[in-house]
Structures are given as structure tokens and as C-alpha cells.
Amino acid sequence: MTKKGSFLINRIKSIKYAVRGAWLLIKTEASIQVQVFIGVIMTIFGCYVGLNTTEWIVQTLIIGLIISIEGINTVIEEIADFIHPEFHQKIGLIKDLAAGTVFIFAIIAIIIGCIIYFPKIF
């Protein structure tokens, strides 16, 4: 097989693993399920209020980023639990920092949502 063929096959395999990982996140992680649910609700609400193209782009980016950051938080927690299953103060700090990152972006997402939706509602 040529290198080009193996490159393409490897990319297809990578996509398969990525889709599997995304599905596992959505299927097994409550925090991801909540974020996906909120994303669906905001998408429906965006259709209802008639977002313009720029607002759709911003909203889609925000939804994708919050779900991705939540996924990264989950990965950090899983790695930390694997490395040190019993409680350890440093592992707790690492998990808190990762969760804090999600929280900060969630606040930013809410602010951006208010900027987009308040003029359409009020």
C-alpha cells in the first residue's frame, strides 16, 4: 500500500475514534448531557427569535466551546482518577482548577447569550 493510502486510512480511523469519543461523552457524562440539552434549547430559541448570521455563528461557537471545554474537564478528571484513585490534595486541586475553567467560560457564555437575546426579548 502506498503512503498516501495509509495516510487516508489513518485519517479515517482517527475520525472513527473521535466520533466514538464524542458519542461516549454524550452518552455517559451528565455534565455534557446538560450542555447538549441547553445547546438544543438555545438553538430552538434562536430559530424562534430569528438570529442573524453573525449571531448564529457566535452562538454555535459558544455551544461548541462549552461542550468541548466540558469534555476536556472530563478527560482531566478521568486521568487524575486513573493516576491517583484515592483522594489526594493535589489531584483535588487539579480537578477544581479544571472545573473552574468550565465555570468561567459558562459565565462568559451566559453574558454573550444575554447580549444576543436581551435586545430580541425586551
PDB file of N, CA and C in Angstrom:
ATOM      1  N   MET A   1       0.835  -1.171   0.000  1.00  0.00           N
ATOM      2  CA  MET A   1       0.000   0.000   0.000  1.00  0.00           C
ATOM      3  C   MET A   1       0.887   1.243   0.000  1.00  0.00           C
ATOM      4  N   THR A   2       0.462   2.251  -0.699  1.00  0.00           N
ATOM      5  CA  THR A   2       1.261   3.479  -0.757  1.00  0.00           C
ATOM      6  C   THR A   2       1.094   4.278   0.524  1.00  0.00           C
ATOM      7  N   LYS A   3       2.024   5.199   0.732  1.00  0.00           N
ATOM      8  CA  LYS A   3       1.946   6.057   1.916  1.00  0.00           C
ATOM      9  C   LYS A   3       0.674   6.900   1.881  1.00  0.00           C
ATOM     10  N   LYS A   4       0.289   7.342   0.686  1.00  0.00           N
ATOM     11  CA  LYS A   4      -0.914   8.157   0.558  1.00  0.00           C
ATOM     12  C   LYS A   4      -2.138   7.361   1.021  1.00  0.00           C
ATOM     13  N   GLY A   5      -2.206   6.106   0.613  1.00  0.00           N
ATOM     14  CA  GLY A   5      -3.321   5.262   1.025  1.00  0.00           C
ATOM     15  C   GLY A   5      -3.341   5.040   2.523  1.00  0.00           C
ATOM     16  N   SER A   6      -2.197   4.775   3.096  1.00  0.00           N
ATOM     17  CA  SER A   6      -2.156   4.548   4.541  1.00  0.00           C
ATOM     18  C   SER A   6      -2.469   5.837   5.298  1.00  0.00           C
ATOM     19  N   PHE A   7      -2.065   6.989   4.756  1.00  0.00           N
ATOM     20  CA  PHE A   7      -2.395   8.265   5.382  1.00  0.00           C
ATOM     21  C   PHE A   7      -3.912   8.433   5.431  1.00  0.00           C
ATOM     22  N   LEU A   8      -4.579   8.162   4.312  1.00  0.00           N
ATOM     23  CA  LEU A   8      -6.031   8.303   4.242  1.00  0.00           C
ATOM     24  C   LEU A   8      -6.717   7.329   5.195  1.00  0.00           C
ATOM     25  N   ILE A   9      -6.264   6.101   5.223  1.00  0.00           N
ATOM     26  CA  ILE A   9      -6.847   5.106   6.124  1.00  0.00           C
ATOM     27  C   ILE A   9      -6.654   5.529   7.577  1.00  0.00           C
ATOM     28  N   ASN A  10      -5.474   6.038   7.899  1.00  0.00           N
ATOM     29  CA  ASN A  10      -5.231   6.507   9.269  1.00  0.00           C
ATOM     30  C   ASN A  10      -6.126   7.680   9.631  1.00  0.00           C
ATOM     31  N   ARG A  11      -6.386   8.574   8.700  1.00  0.00           N
ATOM     32  CA  ARG A  11      -7.285   9.702   8.981  1.00  0.00           C
ATOM     33  C   ARG A  11      -8.716   9.202   9.213  1.00  0.00           C
ATOM     34  N   ILE A  12      -9.139   8.239   8.435  1.00  0.00           N
ATOM     35  CA  ILE A  12     -10.480   7.674   8.603  1.00  0.00           C
ATOM     36  C   ILE A  12     -10.597   7.011   9.969  1.00  0.00           C
ATOM     37  N   LYS A  13      -9.565   6.277  10.363  1.00  0.00           N
ATOM     38  CA  LYS A  13      -9.559   5.662  11.693  1.00  0.00           C
ATOM     39  C   LYS A  13      -9.611   6.733  12.785  1.00  0.00           C
ATOM     40  N   SER A  14      -8.867   7.814  12.594  1.00  0.00           N
ATOM     41  CA  SER A  14      -8.867   8.901  13.575  1.00  0.00           C
ATOM     42  C   SER A  14     -10.253   9.497  13.727  1.00  0.00           C
ATOM     43  N   ILE A  15     -10.937   9.687  12.613  1.00  0.00           N
ATOM     44  CA  ILE A  15     -12.299  10.221  12.662  1.00  0.00           C
ATOM     45  C   ILE A  15     -13.217   9.249  13.393  1.00  0.00           C
ATOM     46  N   LYS A  16     -13.047   7.961  13.124  1.00  0.00           N
ATOM     47  CA  LYS A  16     -13.862   6.942  13.800  1.00  0.00           C
ATOM     48  C   LYS A  16     -13.666   7.012  15.309  1.00  0.00           C
ATOM     49  N   TYR A  17     -12.415   7.134  15.760  1.00  0.00           N
ATOM     50  CA  TYR A  17     -12.138   7.223  17.198  1.00  0.00           C
ATOM     51  C   TYR A  17     -12.707   8.514  17.789  1.00  0.00           C
ATOM     52  N   ALA A  18     -12.610   9.597  17.042  1.00  0.00           N
ATOM     53  CA  ALA A  18     -13.135  10.877  17.527  1.00  0.00           C
ATOM     54  C   ALA A  18     -14.657  10.837  17.678  1.00  0.00           C
ATOM     55  N   VAL A  19     -15.328  10.261  16.701  1.00  0.00           N
ATOM     56  CA  VAL A  19     -16.791  10.133  16.776  1.00  0.00           C
ATOM     57  C   VAL A  19     -17.172   9.231  17.948  1.00  0.00           C
ATOM     58  N   ARG A  20     -16.444   8.144  18.118  1.00  0.00           N
ATOM     59  CA  ARG A  20     -16.696   7.243  19.251  1.00  0.00           C
ATOM     60  C   ARG A  20     -16.520   7.979  20.580  1.00  0.00           C
ATOM     61  N   GLY A  21     -15.457   8.777  20.699  1.00  0.00           N
ATOM     62  CA  GLY A  21     -15.212   9.537  21.918  1.00  0.00           C
ATOM     63  C   GLY A  21     -16.309  10.558  22.182  1.00  0.00           C
ATOM     64  N   ALA A  22     -16.731  11.254  21.132  1.00  0.00           N
ATOM     65  CA  ALA A  22     -17.809  12.242  21.287  1.00  0.00           C
ATOM     66  C   ALA A  22     -19.101  11.548  21.729  1.00  0.00           C
ATOM     67  N   TRP A  23     -19.388  10.409  21.126  1.00  0.00           N
ATOM     68  CA  TRP A  23     -20.594   9.662  21.500  1.00  0.00           C
ATOM     69  C   TRP A  23     -20.522   9.199  22.955  1.00  0.00           C
ATOM     70  N   LEU A  24     -19.360   8.698  23.376  1.00  0.00           N
ATOM     71  CA  LEU A  24     -19.190   8.270  24.765  1.00  0.00           C
ATOM     72  C   LEU A  24     -19.401   9.440  25.735  1.00  0.00           C
ATOM     73  N   LEU A  25     -18.867  10.596  25.398  1.00  0.00           N
ATOM     74  CA  LEU A  25     -19.070  11.778  26.243  1.00  0.00           C
ATOM     75  C   LEU A  25     -20.557  12.094  26.382  1.00  0.00           C
ATOM     76  N   ILE A  26     -21.255  12.138  25.251  1.00  0.00           N
ATOM     77  CA  ILE A  26     -22.679  12.486  25.271  1.00  0.00           C
ATOM     78  C   ILE A  26     -23.498  11.420  25.985  1.00  0.00           C
ATOM     79  N   LYS A  27     -23.130  10.173  25.792  1.00  0.00           N
ATOM     80  CA  LYS A  27     -23.888   9.057  26.357  1.00  0.00           C
ATOM     81  C   LYS A  27     -23.658   8.867  27.856  1.00  0.00           C
ATOM     82  N   THR A  28     -22.436   9.157  28.333  1.00  0.00           N
ATOM     83  CA  THR A  28     -22.100   8.768  29.706  1.00  0.00           C
ATOM     84  C   THR A  28     -21.908   9.925  30.684  1.00  0.00           C
ATOM     85  N   GLU A  29     -21.697  11.122  30.215  1.00  0.00           N
ATOM     86  CA  GLU A  29     -21.370  12.231  31.105  1.00  0.00           C
ATOM     87  C   GLU A  29     -22.549  13.173  31.299  1.00  0.00           C
ATOM     88  N   ALA A  30     -23.035  13.245  32.525  1.00  0.00           N
ATOM     89  CA  ALA A  30     -24.195  14.078  32.833  1.00  0.00           C
ATOM     90  C   ALA A  30     -23.950  15.551  32.508  1.00  0.00           C
ATOM     91  N   SER A  31     -22.755  16.045  32.796  1.00  0.00           N
ATOM     92  CA  SER A  31     -22.474  17.461  32.533  1.00  0.00           C
ATOM     93  C   SER A  31     -22.519  17.762  31.033  1.00  0.00           C
ATOM     94  N   ILE A  32     -22.054  16.843  30.224  1.00  0.00           N
ATOM     95  CA  ILE A  32     -22.118  17.015  28.765  1.00  0.00           C
ATOM     96  C   ILE A  32     -23.574  16.961  28.309  1.00  0.00           C
ATOM     97  N   GLN A  33     -24.347  16.035  28.871  1.00  0.00           N
ATOM     98  CA  GLN A  33     -25.761  15.931  28.511  1.00  0.00           C
ATOM     99  C   GLN A  33     -26.504  17.225  28.815  1.00  0.00           C
ATOM    100  N   VAL A  34     -26.197  17.834  29.956  1.00  0.00           N
ATOM    101  CA  VAL A  34     -26.826  19.113  30.315  1.00  0.00           C
ATOM    102  C   VAL A  34     -26.445  20.177  29.296  1.00  0.00           C
ATOM    103  N   GLN A  35     -25.165  20.250  28.947  1.00  0.00           N
ATOM    104  CA  GLN A  35     -24.715  21.266  27.988  1.00  0.00           C
ATOM    105  C   GLN A  35     -25.328  21.040  26.601  1.00  0.00           C
ATOM    106  N   VAL A  36     -25.436  19.795  26.173  1.00  0.00           N
ATOM    107  CA  VAL A  36     -26.068  19.495  24.886  1.00  0.00           C
ATOM    108  C   VAL A  36     -27.542  19.893  24.924  1.00  0.00           C
ATOM    109  N   PHE A  37     -28.219  19.592  26.030  1.00  0.00           N
ATOM    110  CA  PHE A  37     -29.629  19.963  26.181  1.00  0.00           C
ATOM    111  C   PHE A  37     -29.792  21.486  26.091  1.00  0.00           C
ATOM    112  N   ILE A  38     -28.958  22.218  26.820  1.00  0.00           N
ATOM    113  CA  ILE A  38     -29.018  23.682  26.781  1.00  0.00           C
ATOM    114  C   ILE A  38     -28.736  24.174  25.360  1.00  0.00           C
ATOM    115  N   GLY A  39     -27.766  23.567  24.693  1.00  0.00           N
ATOM    116  CA  GLY A  39     -27.458  23.935  23.311  1.00  0.00           C
ATOM    117  C   GLY A  39     -28.632  23.738  22.377  1.00  0.00           C
ATOM    118  N   VAL A  40     -29.339  22.623  22.536  1.00  0.00           N
ATOM    119  CA  VAL A  40     -30.523  22.355  21.707  1.00  0.00           C
ATOM    120  C   VAL A  40     -31.613  23.390  21.992  1.00  0.00           C
ATOM    121  N   ILE A  41     -31.860  23.670  23.275  1.00  0.00           N
ATOM    122  CA  ILE A  41     -32.874  24.668  23.651  1.00  0.00           C
ATOM    123  C   ILE A  41     -32.526  26.031  23.068  1.00  0.00           C
ATOM    124  N   MET A  42     -31.255  26.436  23.178  1.00  0.00           N
ATOM    125  CA  MET A  42     -30.842  27.742  22.662  1.00  0.00           C
ATOM    126  C   MET A  42     -30.932  27.784  21.137  1.00  0.00           C
ATOM    127  N   THR A  43     -30.684  26.667  20.488  1.00  0.00           N
ATOM    128  CA  THR A  43     -30.823  26.611  19.032  1.00  0.00           C
ATOM    129  C   THR A  43     -32.275  26.772  18.624  1.00  0.00           C
ATOM    130  N   ILE A  44     -33.166  26.088  19.331  1.00  0.00           N
ATOM    131  CA  ILE A  44     -34.605  26.240  19.052  1.00  0.00           C
ATOM    132  C   ILE A  44     -35.041  27.679  19.318  1.00  0.00           C
ATOM    133  N   PHE A  45     -34.574  28.238  20.440  1.00  0.00           N
ATOM    134  CA  PHE A  45     -34.923  29.618  20.783  1.00  0.00           C
ATOM    135  C   PHE A  45     -34.354  30.585  19.746  1.00  0.00           C
ATOM    136  N   GLY A  46     -33.162  30.305  19.247  1.00  0.00           N
ATOM    137  CA  GLY A  46     -32.571  31.133  18.199  1.00  0.00           C
ATOM    138  C   GLY A  46     -33.410  31.148  16.940  1.00  0.00           C
ATOM    139  N   CYS A  47     -33.979  30.002  16.589  1.00  0.00           N
ATOM    140  CA  CYS A  47     -34.896  29.935  15.442  1.00  0.00           C
ATOM    141  C   CYS A  47     -36.144  30.771  15.713  1.00  0.00           C
ATOM    142  N   TYR A  48     -36.640  30.691  16.929  1.00  0.00           N
ATOM    143  CA  TYR A  48     -37.862  31.414  17.311  1.00  0.00           C
ATOM    144  C   TYR A  48     -37.673  32.926  17.233  1.00  0.00           C
ATOM    145  N   VAL A  49     -36.553  33.441  17.740  1.00  0.00           N
ATOM    146  CA  VAL A  49     -36.350  34.896  17.761  1.00  0.00           C
ATOM    147  C   VAL A  49     -35.717  35.421  16.480  1.00  0.00           C
ATOM    148  N   GLY A  50     -35.242  34.542  15.616  1.00  0.00           N
ATOM    149  CA  GLY A  50     -34.685  34.960  14.330  1.00  0.00           C
ATOM    150  C   GLY A  50     -33.298  35.570  14.421  1.00  0.00           C
ATOM    151  N   LEU A  51     -32.350  34.781  14.880  1.00  0.00           N
ATOM    152  CA  LEU A  51     -30.965  35.260  14.942  1.00  0.00           C
ATOM    153  C   LEU A  51     -30.444  35.560  13.539  1.00  0.00           C
ATOM    154  N   ASN A  52     -29.589  36.568  13.441  1.00  0.00           N
ATOM    155  CA  ASN A  52     -28.952  36.833  12.152  1.00  0.00           C
ATOM    156  C   ASN A  52     -27.728  35.930  12.007  1.00  0.00           C
ATOM    157  N   THR A  53     -27.076  36.003  10.869  1.00  0.00           N
ATOM    158  CA  THR A  53     -25.957  35.102  10.584  1.00  0.00           C
ATOM    159  C   THR A  53     -24.836  35.226  11.613  1.00  0.00           C
ATOM    160  N   THR A  54     -24.480  36.453  11.947  1.00  0.00           N
ATOM    161  CA  THR A  54     -23.404  36.653  12.924  1.00  0.00           C
ATOM    162  C   THR A  54     -23.785  36.074  14.282  1.00  0.00           C
ATOM    163  N   GLU A  55     -25.009  36.289  14.705  1.00  0.00           N
ATOM    164  CA  GLU A  55     -25.471  35.749  15.989  1.00  0.00           C
ATOM    165  C   GLU A  55     -25.455  34.223  15.980  1.00  0.00           C
ATOM    166  N   TRP A  56     -25.839  33.613  14.850  1.00  0.00           N
ATOM    167  CA  TRP A  56     -25.784  32.153  14.741  1.00  0.00           C
ATOM    168  C   TRP A  56     -24.353  31.656  14.841  1.00  0.00           C
ATOM    169  N   ILE A  57     -23.433  32.359  14.198  1.00  0.00           N
ATOM    170  CA  ILE A  57     -22.025  31.955  14.253  1.00  0.00           C
ATOM    171  C   ILE A  57     -21.527  32.021  15.690  1.00  0.00           C
ATOM    172  N   VAL A  58     -21.806  33.131  16.367  1.00  0.00           N
ATOM    173  CA  VAL A  58     -21.350  33.292  17.754  1.00  0.00           C
ATOM    174  C   VAL A  58     -21.980  32.226  18.642  1.00  0.00           C
ATOM    175  N   GLN A  59     -23.299  32.029  18.513  1.00  0.00           N
ATOM    176  CA  GLN A  59     -23.980  31.043  19.353  1.00  0.00           C
ATOM    177  C   GLN A  59     -23.440  29.642  19.109  1.00  0.00           C
ATOM    178  N   THR A  60     -23.226  29.280  17.868  1.00  0.00           N
ATOM    179  CA  THR A  60     -22.708  27.953  17.535  1.00  0.00           C
ATOM    180  C   THR A  60     -21.303  27.762  18.112  1.00  0.00           C
ATOM    181  N   LEU A  61     -20.462  28.780  17.989  1.00  0.00           N
ATOM    182  CA  LEU A  61     -19.117  28.702  18.571  1.00  0.00           C
ATOM    183  C   LEU A  61     -19.173  28.543  20.084  1.00  0.00           C
ATOM    184  N   ILE A  62     -20.034  29.310  20.728  1.00  0.00           N
ATOM    185  CA  ILE A  62     -20.146  29.241  22.191  1.00  0.00           C
ATOM    186  C   ILE A  62     -20.627  27.858  22.621  1.00  0.00           C
ATOM    187  N   ILE A  63     -21.639  27.335  21.965  1.00  0.00           N
ATOM    188  CA  ILE A  63     -22.145  25.996  22.314  1.00  0.00           C
ATOM    189  C   ILE A  63     -21.050  24.952  22.109  1.00  0.00           C
ATOM    190  N   GLY A  64     -20.369  25.020  20.972  1.00  0.00           N
ATOM    191  CA  GLY A  64     -19.286  24.067  20.706  1.00  0.00           C
ATOM    192  C   GLY A  64     -18.149  24.178  21.713  1.00  0.00           C
ATOM    193  N   LEU A  65     -17.798  25.399  22.053  1.00  0.00           N
ATOM    194  CA  LEU A  65     -16.700  25.597  23.011  1.00  0.00           C
ATOM    195  C   LEU A  65     -17.061  25.104  24.411  1.00  0.00           C
ATOM    196  N   ILE A  66     -18.263  25.391  24.859  1.00  0.00           N
ATOM    197  CA  ILE A  66     -18.625  24.972  26.227  1.00  0.00           C
ATOM    198  C   ILE A  66     -18.683  23.450  26.316  1.00  0.00           C
ATOM    199  N   ILE A  67     -19.205  22.805  25.286  1.00  0.00           N
ATOM    200  CA  ILE A  67     -19.243  21.339  25.285  1.00  0.00           C
ATOM    201  C   ILE A  67     -17.816  20.778  25.204  1.00  0.00           C
ATOM    202  N   SER A  68     -16.972  21.397  24.393  1.00  0.00           N
ATOM    203  CA  SER A  68     -15.579  20.939  24.276  1.00  0.00           C
ATOM    204  C   SER A  68     -14.812  21.143  25.574  1.00  0.00           C
ATOM    205  N   ILE A  69     -14.964  22.296  26.204  1.00  0.00           N
ATOM    206  CA  ILE A  69     -14.268  22.553  27.464  1.00  0.00           C
ATOM    207  C   ILE A  69     -14.766  21.590  28.544  1.00  0.00           C
ATOM    208  N   GLU A  70     -16.056  21.327  28.548  1.00  0.00           N
ATOM    209  CA  GLU A  70     -16.606  20.350  29.498  1.00  0.00           C
ATOM    210  C   GLU A  70     -16.009  18.970  29.235  1.00  0.00           C
ATOM    211  N   GLY A  71     -15.818  18.626  27.956  1.00  0.00           N
ATOM    212  CA  GLY A  71     -15.180  17.353  27.611  1.00  0.00           C
ATOM    213  C   GLY A  71     -13.737  17.292  28.086  1.00  0.00           C
ATOM    214  N   ILE A  72     -13.000  18.377  27.911  1.00  0.00           N
ATOM    215  CA  ILE A  72     -11.619  18.425  28.392  1.00  0.00           C
ATOM    216  C   ILE A  72     -11.585  18.286  29.914  1.00  0.00           C
ATOM    217  N   ASN A  73     -12.516  18.934  30.599  1.00  0.00           N
ATOM    218  CA  ASN A  73     -12.617  18.794  32.055  1.00  0.00           C
ATOM    219  C   ASN A  73     -12.830  17.329  32.440  1.00  0.00           C
ATOM    220  N   THR A  74     -13.695  16.647  31.720  1.00  0.00           N
ATOM    221  CA  THR A  74     -13.954  15.234  31.981  1.00  0.00           C
ATOM    222  C   THR A  74     -12.686  14.403  31.784  1.00  0.00           C
ATOM    223  N   VAL A  75     -11.946  14.682  30.720  1.00  0.00           N
ATOM    224  CA  VAL A  75     -10.702  13.958  30.452  1.00  0.00           C
ATOM    225  C   VAL A  75      -9.697  14.185  31.587  1.00  0.00           C
ATOM    226  N   ILE A  76      -9.571  15.426  32.026  1.00  0.00           N
ATOM    227  CA  ILE A  76      -8.642  15.734  33.127  1.00  0.00           C
ATOM    228  C   ILE A  76      -9.042  14.954  34.375  1.00  0.00           C
ATOM    229  N   GLU A  77     -10.330  14.930  34.687  1.00  0.00           N
ATOM    230  CA  GLU A  77     -10.801  14.191  35.860  1.00  0.00           C
ATOM    231  C   GLU A  77     -10.538  12.695  35.723  1.00  0.00           C
ATOM    232  N   GLU A  78     -10.776  12.143  34.541  1.00  0.00           N
ATOM    233  CA  GLU A  78     -10.545  10.712  34.316  1.00  0.00           C
ATOM    234  C   GLU A  78      -9.065  10.367  34.455  1.00  0.00           C
ATOM    235  N   ILE A  79      -8.206  11.181  33.893  1.00  0.00           N
ATOM    236  CA  ILE A  79      -6.764  10.942  34.007  1.00  0.00           C
ATOM    237  C   ILE A  79      -6.327  11.042  35.465  1.00  0.00           C
ATOM    238  N   ALA A  80      -6.814  12.062  36.164  1.00  0.00           N
ATOM    239  CA  ALA A  80      -6.448  12.244  37.570  1.00  0.00           C
ATOM    240  C   ALA A  80      -6.894  11.044  38.402  1.00  0.00           C
ATOM    241  N   ASP A  81      -8.111  10.561  38.166  1.00  0.00           N
ATOM    242  CA  ASP A  81      -8.603   9.393  38.904  1.00  0.00           C
ATOM    243  C   ASP A  81      -7.801   8.142  38.569  1.00  0.00           C
ATOM    244  N   PHE A  82      -7.368   8.024  37.325  1.00  0.00           N
ATOM    245  CA  PHE A  82      -6.579   6.866  36.917  1.00  0.00           C
ATOM    246  C   PHE A  82      -5.198   6.889  37.574  1.00  0.00           C
ATOM    247  N   ILE A  83      -4.584   8.047  37.582  1.00  0.00           N
ATOM    248  CA  ILE A  83      -3.239   8.179  38.143  1.00  0.00           C
ATOM    249  C   ILE A  83      -3.253   8.001  39.660  1.00  0.00           C
ATOM    250  N   HIS A  84      -4.273   8.579  40.300  1.00  0.00           N
ATOM    251  CA  HIS A  84      -4.308   8.550  41.766  1.00  0.00           C
ATOM    252  C   HIS A  84      -5.758   8.315  42.214  1.00  0.00           C
ATOM    253  N   PRO A  85      -6.208   7.039  42.244  1.00  0.00           N
ATOM    254  CA  PRO A  85      -7.614   6.734  42.538  1.00  0.00           C
ATOM    255  C   PRO A  85      -8.096   7.211  43.917  1.00  0.00           C
ATOM    256  N   GLU A  86      -7.234   7.130  44.916  1.00  0.00           N
ATOM    257  CA  GLU A  86      -7.660   7.584  46.237  1.00  0.00           C
ATOM    258  C   GLU A  86      -7.481   9.100  46.330  1.00  0.00           C
ATOM    259  N   PHE A  87      -8.148   9.689  47.315  1.00  0.00           N
ATOM    260  CA  PHE A  87      -8.102  11.145  47.455  1.00  0.00           C
ATOM    261  C   PHE A  87      -6.668  11.622  47.675  1.00  0.00           C
ATOM    262  N   HIS A  88      -6.343  12.679  46.962  1.00  0.00           N
ATOM    263  CA  HIS A  88      -5.063  13.353  47.158  1.00  0.00           C
ATOM    264  C   HIS A  88      -5.307  14.845  46.971  1.00  0.00           C
ATOM    265  N   GLN A  89      -4.732  15.643  47.845  1.00  0.00           N
ATOM    266  CA  GLN A  89      -4.967  17.079  47.838  1.00  0.00           C
ATOM    267  C   GLN A  89      -4.602  17.714  46.492  1.00  0.00           C
ATOM    268  N   LYS A  90      -3.509  17.314  45.901  1.00  0.00           N
ATOM    269  CA  LYS A  90      -3.077  17.885  44.619  1.00  0.00           C
ATOM    270  C   LYS A  90      -4.034  17.497  43.490  1.00  0.00           C
ATOM    271  N   ILE A  91      -4.500  16.247  43.501  1.00  0.00           N
ATOM    272  CA  ILE A  91      -5.475  15.805  42.494  1.00  0.00           C
ATOM    273  C   ILE A  91      -6.768  16.614  42.653  1.00  0.00           C
ATOM    274  N   GLY A  92      -7.181  16.831  43.891  1.00  0.00           N
ATOM    275  CA  GLY A  92      -8.368  17.653  44.148  1.00  0.00           C
ATOM    276  C   GLY A  92      -8.202  19.065  43.597  1.00  0.00           C
ATOM    277  N   LEU A  93      -7.020  19.631  43.775  1.00  0.00           N
ATOM    278  CA  LEU A  93      -6.740  20.965  43.241  1.00  0.00           C
ATOM    279  C   LEU A  93      -6.822  20.971  41.719  1.00  0.00           C
ATOM    280  N   ILE A  94      -6.222  19.976  41.094  1.00  0.00           N
ATOM    281  CA  ILE A  94      -6.253  19.875  39.629  1.00  0.00           C
ATOM    282  C   ILE A  94      -7.691  19.795  39.134  1.00  0.00           C
ATOM    283  N   LYS A  95      -8.504  18.966  39.760  1.00  0.00           N
ATOM    284  CA  LYS A  95      -9.904  18.829  39.365  1.00  0.00           C
ATOM    285  C   LYS A  95     -10.667  20.135  39.580  1.00  0.00           C
ATOM    286  N   ASP A  96     -10.413  20.805  40.690  1.00  0.00           N
ATOM    287  CA  ASP A  96     -11.070  22.084  40.969  1.00  0.00           C
ATOM    288  C   ASP A  96     -10.694  23.131  39.921  1.00  0.00           C
ATOM    289  N   LEU A  97      -9.430  23.175  39.547  1.00  0.00           N
ATOM    290  CA  LEU A  97      -8.989  24.134  38.532  1.00  0.00           C
ATOM    291  C   LEU A  97      -9.665  23.863  37.186  1.00  0.00           C
ATOM    292  N   ALA A  98      -9.756  22.584  36.822  1.00  0.00           N
ATOM    293  CA  ALA A  98     -10.410  22.229  35.561  1.00  0.00           C
ATOM    294  C   ALA A  98     -11.894  22.605  35.598  1.00  0.00           C
ATOM    295  N   ALA A  99     -12.550  22.323  36.714  1.00  0.00           N
ATOM    296  CA  ALA A  99     -13.967  22.680  36.851  1.00  0.00           C
ATOM    297  C   ALA A  99     -14.138  24.201  36.844  1.00  0.00           C
ATOM    298  N   GLY A 100     -13.199  24.910  37.465  1.00  0.00           N
ATOM    299  CA  GLY A 100     -13.253  26.367  37.472  1.00  0.00           C
ATOM    300  C   GLY A 100     -13.158  26.951  36.073  1.00  0.00           C
ATOM    301  N   THR A 101     -12.368  26.312  35.225  1.00  0.00           N
ATOM    302  CA  THR A 101     -12.245  26.752  33.834  1.00  0.00           C
ATOM    303  C   THR A 101     -13.585  26.651  33.120  1.00  0.00           C
ATOM    304  N   VAL A 102     -14.285  25.548  33.323  1.00  0.00           N
ATOM    305  CA  VAL A 102     -15.612  25.374  32.726  1.00  0.00           C
ATOM    306  C   VAL A 102     -16.557  26.451  33.262  1.00  0.00           C
ATOM    307  N   PHE A 103     -16.503  26.678  34.557  1.00  0.00           N
ATOM    308  CA  PHE A 103     -17.384  27.662  35.185  1.00  0.00           C
ATOM    309  C   PHE A 103     -17.153  29.061  34.612  1.00  0.00           C
ATOM    310  N   ILE A 104     -15.889  29.446  34.474  1.00  0.00           N
ATOM    311  CA  ILE A 104     -15.579  30.773  33.929  1.00  0.00           C
ATOM    312  C   ILE A 104     -16.150  30.915  32.521  1.00  0.00           C
ATOM    313  N   PHE A 105     -15.937  29.895  31.688  1.00  0.00           N
ATOM    314  CA  PHE A 105     -16.464  30.000  30.319  1.00  0.00           C
ATOM    315  C   PHE A 105     -17.984  29.973  30.312  1.00  0.00           C
ATOM    316  N   ALA A 106     -18.606  29.225  31.219  1.00  0.00           N
ATOM    317  CA  ALA A 106     -20.067  29.204  31.293  1.00  0.00           C
ATOM    318  C   ALA A 106     -20.610  30.595  31.616  1.00  0.00           C
ATOM    319  N   ILE A 107     -19.948  31.313  32.515  1.00  0.00           N
ATOM    320  CA  ILE A 107     -20.355  32.686  32.842  1.00  0.00           C
ATOM    321  C   ILE A 107     -20.234  33.576  31.603  1.00  0.00           C
ATOM    322  N   ILE A 108     -19.121  33.450  30.902  1.00  0.00           N
ATOM    323  CA  ILE A 108     -18.926  34.226  29.658  1.00  0.00           C
ATOM    324  C   ILE A 108     -20.015  33.874  28.642  1.00  0.00           C
ATOM    325  N   ALA A 109     -20.348  32.589  28.527  1.00  0.00           N
ATOM    326  CA  ALA A 109     -21.389  32.153  27.588  1.00  0.00           C
ATOM    327  C   ALA A 109     -22.738  32.773  27.949  1.00  0.00           C
ATOM    328  N   ILE A 110     -23.039  32.833  29.241  1.00  0.00           N
ATOM    329  CA  ILE A 110     -24.298  33.450  29.688  1.00  0.00           C
ATOM    330  C   ILE A 110     -24.308  34.939  29.339  1.00  0.00           C
ATOM    331  N   ILE A 111     -23.200  35.617  29.564  1.00  0.00           N
ATOM    332  CA  ILE A 111     -23.118  37.045  29.235  1.00  0.00           C
ATOM    333  C   ILE A 111     -23.323  37.260  27.737  1.00  0.00           C
ATOM    334  N   ILE A 112     -22.652  36.450  26.918  1.00  0.00           N
ATOM    335  CA  ILE A 112     -22.815  36.566  25.464  1.00  0.00           C
ATOM    336  C   ILE A 112     -24.258  36.265  25.068  1.00  0.00           C
ATOM    337  N   GLY A 113     -24.851  35.246  25.693  1.00  0.00           N
ATOM    338  CA  GLY A 113     -26.259  34.938  25.423  1.00  0.00           C
ATOM    339  C   GLY A 113     -27.164  36.119  25.756  1.00  0.00           C
ATOM    340  N   CYS A 114     -26.898  36.782  26.861  1.00  0.00           N
ATOM    341  CA  CYS A 114     -27.691  37.968  27.237  1.00  0.00           C
ATOM    342  C   CYS A 114     -27.517  39.079  26.211  1.00  0.00           C
ATOM    343  N   ILE A 115     -26.291  39.283  25.743  1.00  0.00           N
ATOM    344  CA  ILE A 115     -26.035  40.316  24.734  1.00  0.00           C
ATOM    345  C   ILE A 115     -26.806  40.017  23.448  1.00  0.00           C
ATOM    346  N   ILE A 116     -26.864  38.752  23.073  1.00  0.00           N
ATOM    347  CA  ILE A 116     -27.574  38.371  21.853  1.00  0.00           C
ATOM    348  C   ILE A 116     -29.085  38.435  22.038  1.00  0.00           C
ATOM    349  N   TYR A 117     -29.595  37.890  23.148  1.00  0.00           N
ATOM    350  CA  TYR A 117     -31.040  37.690  23.275  1.00  0.00           C
ATOM    351  C   TYR A 117     -31.809  38.840  23.933  1.00  0.00           C
ATOM    352  N   PHE A 118     -31.203  39.581  24.839  1.00  0.00           N
ATOM    353  CA  PHE A 118     -31.963  40.659  25.516  1.00  0.00           C
ATOM    354  C   PHE A 118     -32.568  41.655  24.533  1.00  0.00           C
ATOM    355  N   PRO A 119     -31.823  42.126  23.526  1.00  0.00           N
ATOM    356  CA  PRO A 119     -32.454  43.062  22.587  1.00  0.00           C
ATOM    357  C   PRO A 119     -33.625  42.456  21.801  1.00  0.00           C
ATOM    358  N   LYS A 120     -33.631  41.152  21.652  1.00  0.00           N
ATOM    359  CA  LYS A 120     -34.709  40.498  20.904  1.00  0.00           C
ATOM    360  C   LYS A 120     -35.933  40.234  21.799  1.00  0.00           C
ATOM    361  N   ILE A 121     -35.698  40.129  23.114  1.00  0.00           N
ATOM    362  CA  ILE A 121     -36.785  39.825  24.034  1.00  0.00           C
ATOM    363  C   ILE A 121     -37.421  41.096  24.598  1.00  0.00           C
ATOM    364  N   PHE A 122     -36.567  42.064  24.954  1.00  0.00           N
ATOM    365  CA  PHE A 122     -37.069  43.268  25.640  1.00  0.00           C
ATOM    366  C   PHE A 122     -37.142  44.454  24.727  1.00  0.00           C
TER     367      PHE A 122
END
